[in-house]
Amino acid sequence: MIARWKITYYKTPTGKFPVKELIDKLEEIPRARVYNTIELLAEFGINLGMSHAKKVAGTSLWELRVLGEKSIRIFYIAIKGREFLLLHAFTKKKQKTPKKEIKTALTRIKDFLKKA
């Protein structure tokens, strides 16, 4: 059996977990879809297919894609060994990913690396 990937949620300097908080605010069905997709990431890791994971061009970020009535996106990176850090989540409303969402995730990488 292949080892699973560990999923870690980014923690802000004030002790909050923004990805977890956004997920927990969702209604039951979208929330279940998000957790199921995170479970797929833990199981398949870097081999998760394009319908669920996509590299964000020009960055070190990957985008976890939760499909459904609400298109939830979670930016993440591999941090060490078999571990992913979930950095930022948002509801995608347009075809193109807003730059401010990418910037938030990149800022959180810098914060994480300062603490590591």
C-alpha atoms as a PDB file:
ATOM      1  CA  MET A   1       0.000   0.000   0.000  1.00  0.00           C
ATOM      2  CA  ILE A   2       1.317   3.428  -0.936  1.00  0.00           C
ATOM      3  CA  ALA A   3       1.639   5.946   1.891  1.00  0.00           C
ATOM      4  CA  ARG A   4      -0.956   8.695   1.990  1.00  0.00           C
ATOM      5  CA  TRP A   5      -0.061  12.356   1.772  1.00  0.00           C
ATOM      6  CA  LYS A   6      -0.489  14.464   4.886  1.00  0.00           C
ATOM      7  CA  ILE A   7      -2.782  17.482   4.561  1.00  0.00           C
ATOM      8  CA  THR A   8      -1.892  20.562   6.632  1.00  0.00           C
ATOM      9  CA  TYR A   9      -3.963  23.733   6.841  1.00  0.00           C
ATOM     10  CA  TYR A  10      -2.181  27.096   6.781  1.00  0.00           C
ATOM     11  CA  LYS A  11      -2.366  28.888  10.147  1.00  0.00           C
ATOM     12  CA  THR A  12      -2.342  32.707  10.202  1.00  0.00           C
ATOM     13  CA  PRO A  13      -0.158  34.675  12.638  1.00  0.00           C
ATOM     14  CA  THR A  14      -3.347  35.259  14.675  1.00  0.00           C
ATOM     15  CA  GLY A  15      -4.019  31.511  14.957  1.00  0.00           C
ATOM     16  CA  LYS A  16      -6.824  31.207  12.406  1.00  0.00           C
ATOM     17  CA  PHE A  17      -7.184  28.521   9.731  1.00  0.00           C
ATOM     18  CA  PRO A  18      -8.737  30.417   6.774  1.00  0.00           C
ATOM     19  CA  VAL A  19      -9.141  27.425   4.450  1.00  0.00           C
ATOM     20  CA  LYS A  20     -10.872  25.362   7.138  1.00  0.00           C
ATOM     21  CA  GLU A  21     -13.060  28.334   8.105  1.00  0.00           C
ATOM     22  CA  LEU A  22     -14.260  28.858   4.524  1.00  0.00           C
ATOM     23  CA  ILE A  23     -15.022  25.155   4.118  1.00  0.00           C
ATOM     24  CA  ASP A  24     -16.937  25.002   7.394  1.00  0.00           C
ATOM     25  CA  LYS A  25     -19.147  27.937   6.304  1.00  0.00           C
ATOM     26  CA  LEU A  26     -20.322  26.067   3.202  1.00  0.00           C
ATOM     27  CA  GLU A  27     -23.643  24.277   3.026  1.00  0.00           C
ATOM     28  CA  GLU A  28     -23.609  20.521   3.582  1.00  0.00           C
ATOM     29  CA  ILE A  29     -23.304  19.271  -0.017  1.00  0.00           C
ATOM     30  CA  PRO A  30     -20.573  21.699  -1.192  1.00  0.00           C
ATOM     31  CA  ARG A  31     -18.697  21.111   2.089  1.00  0.00           C
ATOM     32  CA  ALA A  32     -18.834  17.336   1.534  1.00  0.00           C
ATOM     33  CA  ARG A  33     -17.535  17.791  -2.027  1.00  0.00           C
ATOM     34  CA  VAL A  34     -14.600  19.843  -0.732  1.00  0.00           C
ATOM     35  CA  TYR A  35     -13.663  17.279   1.912  1.00  0.00           C
ATOM     36  CA  ASN A  36     -14.016  14.440  -0.632  1.00  0.00           C
ATOM     37  CA  THR A  37     -11.668  16.261  -3.016  1.00  0.00           C
ATOM     38  CA  ILE A  38      -9.157  16.885  -0.204  1.00  0.00           C
ATOM     39  CA  GLU A  39      -9.376  13.169   0.566  1.00  0.00           C
ATOM     40  CA  LEU A  40      -8.513  12.408  -3.076  1.00  0.00           C
ATOM     41  CA  LEU A  41      -5.485  14.710  -2.773  1.00  0.00           C
ATOM     42  CA  ALA A  42      -4.341  12.821   0.344  1.00  0.00           C
ATOM     43  CA  GLU A  43      -4.800   9.488  -1.412  1.00  0.00           C
ATOM     44  CA  PHE A  44      -3.342  10.240  -4.856  1.00  0.00           C
ATOM     45  CA  GLY A  45      -0.986  13.138  -4.069  1.00  0.00           C
ATOM     46  CA  ILE A  46       0.935  14.429  -7.066  1.00  0.00           C
ATOM     47  CA  ASN A  47      -0.806  11.866  -9.266  1.00  0.00           C
ATOM     48  CA  LEU A  48      -4.227  13.476  -8.799  1.00  0.00           C
ATOM     49  CA  GLY A  49      -5.693  14.094 -12.255  1.00  0.00           C
ATOM     50  CA  MET A  50      -6.262  17.360 -14.106  1.00  0.00           C
ATOM     51  CA  SER A  51      -9.973  17.476 -13.368  1.00  0.00           C
ATOM     52  CA  HIS A  52      -9.100  17.914  -9.682  1.00  0.00           C
ATOM     53  CA  ALA A  53      -5.639  19.524  -9.636  1.00  0.00           C
ATOM     54  CA  LYS A  54      -3.976  22.055 -11.884  1.00  0.00           C
ATOM     55  CA  LYS A  55      -0.646  23.917 -11.748  1.00  0.00           C
ATOM     56  CA  VAL A  56      -1.021  27.695 -11.500  1.00  0.00           C
ATOM     57  CA  ALA A  57       1.139  29.074 -14.316  1.00  0.00           C
ATOM     58  CA  GLY A  58       4.136  31.155 -13.294  1.00  0.00           C
ATOM     59  CA  THR A  59       3.950  30.212  -9.593  1.00  0.00           C
ATOM     60  CA  SER A  60       4.795  27.364  -7.227  1.00  0.00           C
ATOM     61  CA  LEU A  61       1.073  26.953  -6.503  1.00  0.00           C
ATOM     62  CA  TRP A  62      -1.281  24.156  -7.377  1.00  0.00           C
ATOM     63  CA  GLU A  63      -5.044  24.612  -7.534  1.00  0.00           C
ATOM     64  CA  LEU A  64      -7.355  21.985  -6.065  1.00  0.00           C
ATOM     65  CA  ARG A  65     -10.543  22.163  -8.098  1.00  0.00           C
ATOM     66  CA  VAL A  66     -13.819  21.267  -6.412  1.00  0.00           C
ATOM     67  CA  LEU A  67     -16.484  21.042  -9.063  1.00  0.00           C
ATOM     68  CA  GLY A  68     -20.196  21.449  -8.480  1.00  0.00           C
ATOM     69  CA  GLU A  69     -22.791  24.188  -8.191  1.00  0.00           C
ATOM     70  CA  LYS A  70     -20.171  26.269  -6.367  1.00  0.00           C
ATOM     71  CA  SER A  71     -16.707  26.098  -7.891  1.00  0.00           C
ATOM     72  CA  ILE A  72     -14.425  26.080  -4.867  1.00  0.00           C
ATOM     73  CA  ARG A  73     -10.692  26.435  -5.426  1.00  0.00           C
ATOM     74  CA  ILE A  74      -7.951  25.741  -2.891  1.00  0.00           C
ATOM     75  CA  PHE A  75      -4.363  26.771  -3.543  1.00  0.00           C
ATOM     76  CA  TYR A  76      -1.740  24.431  -2.117  1.00  0.00           C
ATOM     77  CA  ILE A  77       1.941  23.495  -2.279  1.00  0.00           C
ATOM     78  CA  ALA A  78       3.982  20.418  -1.401  1.00  0.00           C
ATOM     79  CA  ILE A  79       6.120  21.365   1.605  1.00  0.00           C
ATOM     80  CA  LYS A  80       8.153  18.319   2.636  1.00  0.00           C
ATOM     81  CA  GLY A  81       8.147  14.614   2.077  1.00  0.00           C
ATOM     82  CA  ARG A  82       4.549  13.625   1.446  1.00  0.00           C
ATOM     83  CA  GLU A  83       2.845  16.706   2.841  1.00  0.00           C
ATOM     84  CA  PHE A  84       0.664  19.391   1.274  1.00  0.00           C
ATOM     85  CA  LEU A  85      -0.063  22.811   2.762  1.00  0.00           C
ATOM     86  CA  LEU A  86      -3.527  24.174   1.934  1.00  0.00           C
ATOM     87  CA  LEU A  87      -2.991  27.936   1.732  1.00  0.00           C
ATOM     88  CA  HIS A  88      -6.076  29.718   0.480  1.00  0.00           C
ATOM     89  CA  ALA A  89      -9.626  28.844  -0.562  1.00  0.00           C
ATOM     90  CA  PHE A  90     -12.225  30.850  -2.447  1.00  0.00           C
ATOM     91  CA  THR A  91     -15.351  30.472  -4.548  1.00  0.00           C
ATOM     92  CA  LYS A  92     -14.462  30.938  -8.199  1.00  0.00           C
ATOM     93  CA  LYS A  93     -17.056  33.063  -9.966  1.00  0.00           C
ATOM     94  CA  LYS A  94     -15.340  33.819 -13.283  1.00  0.00           C
ATOM     95  CA  GLN A  95     -13.358  31.813 -15.815  1.00  0.00           C
ATOM     96  CA  LYS A  96     -10.076  33.550 -14.977  1.00  0.00           C
ATOM     97  CA  THR A  97      -8.667  33.221 -11.456  1.00  0.00           C
ATOM     98  CA  PRO A  98      -8.477  36.679  -9.822  1.00  0.00           C
ATOM     99  CA  LYS A  99      -4.906  37.880  -9.243  1.00  0.00           C
ATOM    100  CA  LYS A 100      -5.769  38.910  -5.661  1.00  0.00           C
ATOM    101  CA  GLU A 101      -6.557  35.270  -4.814  1.00  0.00           C
ATOM    102  CA  ILE A 102      -3.180  34.134  -6.159  1.00  0.00           C
ATOM    103  CA  LYS A 103      -1.447  36.986  -4.317  1.00  0.00           C
ATOM    104  CA  THR A 104      -3.073  35.943  -1.024  1.00  0.00           C
ATOM    105  CA  ALA A 105      -1.752  32.390  -1.435  1.00  0.00           C
ATOM    106  CA  LEU A 106       1.755  33.598  -2.350  1.00  0.00           C
ATOM    107  CA  THR A 107       1.815  35.895   0.698  1.00  0.00           C
ATOM    108  CA  ARG A 108       0.873  32.937   2.891  1.00  0.00           C
ATOM    109  CA  ILE A 109       3.741  30.881   1.452  1.00  0.00           C
ATOM    110  CA  LYS A 110       6.167  33.635   2.485  1.00  0.00           C
ATOM    111  CA  ASP A 111       4.643  33.763   5.971  1.00  0.00           C
ATOM    112  CA  PHE A 112       4.834  29.977   6.312  1.00  0.00           C
ATOM    113  CA  LEU A 113       8.481  29.878   5.202  1.00  0.00           C
ATOM    114  CA  LYS A 114       9.412  32.580   7.743  1.00  0.00           C
ATOM    115  CA  LYS A 115       8.018  30.383  10.531  1.00  0.00           C
ATOM    116  CA  ALA A 116       9.473  27.101   9.239  1.00  0.00           C
END
